[in-house]
């Protein structure tokens, strides 16, 4: 597992900590970012296997960050999170290469299962 790195990108501290702790217990190397600039620096430096990315982040939205991530490394897997029924944005995220999305509040066990499934393949 130590070669599997996960980056959590969300401006909400509580969500970052929750995912960080739960997925960290699965044995992944964890990173977190509160904004797009931090996230892209970590992507460039650490090359995470998976990014869990919130759709609504001040300064740079999730779609912009997703586009940048895919420019840096098209193989990085991305799961989007959204607090709203932003179906058009979700469709666009999928067309840009996001694997799936979770609507907040999400089921943490379901998130862990999906993450493990994507990183096992």
Protein backbone atom coordinates (compact mmCIF):
# COMPACT_ATOMS: atom_id res chain seq x y z
CA UNK A 1 0.00 0.00 0.00
CA UNK A 2 2.87 2.38 0.70
CA UNK A 3 3.15 3.21 -3.00
CA UNK A 4 -0.49 4.34 -3.06
CA UNK A 5 -0.85 8.04 -2.32
CA UNK A 6 -4.14 9.88 -1.84
CA UNK A 7 -4.64 13.63 -1.96
CA UNK A 8 -7.79 15.11 -0.41
CA UNK A 9 -8.72 18.56 -1.70
CA UNK A 10 -11.48 20.35 0.21
CA UNK A 11 -11.76 23.76 1.83
CA UNK A 12 -13.71 22.16 4.71
CA UNK A 13 -11.23 21.10 7.39
CA UNK A 14 -13.58 18.54 8.96
CA UNK A 15 -14.02 16.61 5.72
CA UNK A 16 -10.28 16.62 5.03
CA UNK A 17 -9.51 15.27 8.51
CA UNK A 18 -12.23 12.60 8.33
CA UNK A 19 -11.01 11.26 4.99
CA UNK A 20 -7.37 11.62 6.01
CA UNK A 21 -7.91 9.50 9.14
CA UNK A 22 -10.22 6.86 7.64
CA UNK A 23 -8.18 6.30 4.47
CA UNK A 24 -4.88 6.63 6.35
CA UNK A 25 -5.94 3.62 8.45
CA UNK A 26 -6.20 1.65 5.19
CA UNK A 27 -2.44 2.06 4.82
CA UNK A 28 -2.33 4.79 2.16
CA UNK A 29 0.08 7.71 2.23
CA UNK A 30 -2.17 10.73 2.73
CA UNK A 31 -1.92 14.37 1.66
CA UNK A 32 -4.40 17.18 2.04
CA UNK A 33 -4.92 20.59 0.48
CA UNK A 34 -7.37 23.37 1.28
CA UNK A 35 -7.17 25.03 -2.15
CA UNK A 36 -6.22 24.52 -5.77
CA UNK A 37 -2.74 26.00 -5.53
CA UNK A 38 -1.75 23.67 -2.66
CA UNK A 39 -3.37 20.73 -4.45
CA UNK A 40 -1.48 21.27 -7.71
CA UNK A 41 1.84 21.70 -5.86
CA UNK A 42 1.28 18.33 -4.15
CA UNK A 43 0.25 16.69 -7.45
CA UNK A 44 3.47 17.92 -9.09
CA UNK A 45 5.69 16.92 -6.15
CA UNK A 46 4.12 13.69 -4.93
CA UNK A 47 2.24 12.21 -7.94
CA UNK A 48 -0.70 10.82 -5.96
CA UNK A 49 -2.47 7.69 -7.25
CA UNK A 50 -5.87 9.18 -6.40
CA UNK A 51 -7.27 12.65 -5.74
CA UNK A 52 -10.54 13.16 -3.86
CA UNK A 53 -11.58 16.59 -5.04
CA UNK A 54 -14.35 18.89 -3.87
CA UNK A 55 -16.30 20.62 -6.64
CA UNK A 56 -16.66 23.96 -4.83
CA UNK A 57 -13.39 25.43 -3.64
CA UNK A 58 -12.82 29.19 -3.26
CA UNK A 59 -10.44 30.68 -5.81
CA UNK A 60 -10.26 27.77 -8.22
CA UNK A 61 -13.19 25.41 -8.68
CA UNK A 62 -12.98 21.65 -8.82
CA UNK A 63 -13.30 21.50 -12.60
CA UNK A 64 -10.34 23.85 -13.07
CA UNK A 65 -8.27 21.80 -10.62
CA UNK A 66 -9.34 18.57 -12.35
CA UNK A 67 -8.26 19.96 -15.75
CA UNK A 68 -4.86 20.94 -14.32
CA UNK A 69 -4.36 17.55 -12.63
CA UNK A 70 -5.10 15.74 -15.90
CA UNK A 71 -2.65 18.04 -17.72
CA UNK A 72 0.09 17.22 -15.20
CA UNK A 73 -0.66 13.46 -15.21
CA UNK A 74 -3.60 11.95 -17.14
CA UNK A 75 -3.26 8.67 -15.18
CA UNK A 76 -4.12 10.14 -11.78
CA UNK A 77 -7.52 8.84 -10.69
CA UNK A 78 -9.97 11.49 -9.48
CA UNK A 79 -13.15 11.18 -7.40
CA UNK A 80 -15.26 14.34 -7.19
CA UNK A 81 -17.25 15.44 -4.13
CA UNK A 82 -20.16 17.83 -4.31
CA UNK A 83 -22.53 19.30 -1.76
CA UNK A 84 -25.11 20.21 -4.36
CA UNK A 85 -27.02 18.60 -7.20
CA UNK A 86 -24.67 20.09 -9.78
CA UNK A 87 -25.47 17.57 -12.48
CA UNK A 88 -24.04 19.61 -15.33
CA UNK A 89 -20.75 20.04 -13.45
CA UNK A 90 -20.68 16.33 -12.59
CA UNK A 91 -21.18 15.44 -16.26
CA UNK A 92 -18.38 17.82 -17.23
CA UNK A 93 -16.11 16.36 -14.52
CA UNK A 94 -16.72 12.86 -15.90
CA UNK A 95 -15.99 14.03 -19.43
CA UNK A 96 -12.69 15.47 -18.09
CA UNK A 97 -11.78 12.10 -16.62
CA UNK A 98 -13.26 11.94 -13.10
CA UNK A 99 -14.14 8.34 -12.23
CA UNK A 100 -17.17 8.99 -10.07
CA UNK A 101 -18.64 11.47 -7.59
CA UNK A 102 -19.98 11.49 -4.06
CA UNK A 103 -22.65 13.87 -2.82
CA UNK A 104 -22.06 15.31 0.64
CA UNK A 105 -22.80 14.15 3.21
CA UNK A 106 -21.44 10.86 1.90
CA UNK A 107 -21.25 7.43 3.51
CA UNK A 108 -17.64 7.08 4.69
CA UNK A 109 -17.70 3.29 4.37
CA UNK A 110 -18.91 3.57 0.79
CA UNK A 111 -16.13 6.09 0.06
CA UNK A 112 -13.53 3.74 1.60
CA UNK A 113 -14.86 0.80 -0.44
CA UNK A 114 -14.77 2.76 -3.71
CA UNK A 115 -11.27 4.12 -3.00
CA UNK A 116 -9.96 0.62 -2.22
CA UNK A 117 -11.61 -0.70 -5.38
CA UNK A 118 -10.04 1.98 -7.62
CA UNK A 119 -6.60 1.63 -6.07
CA UNK A 120 -6.62 -2.17 -6.24
CA UNK A 121 -6.97 -2.06 -10.02
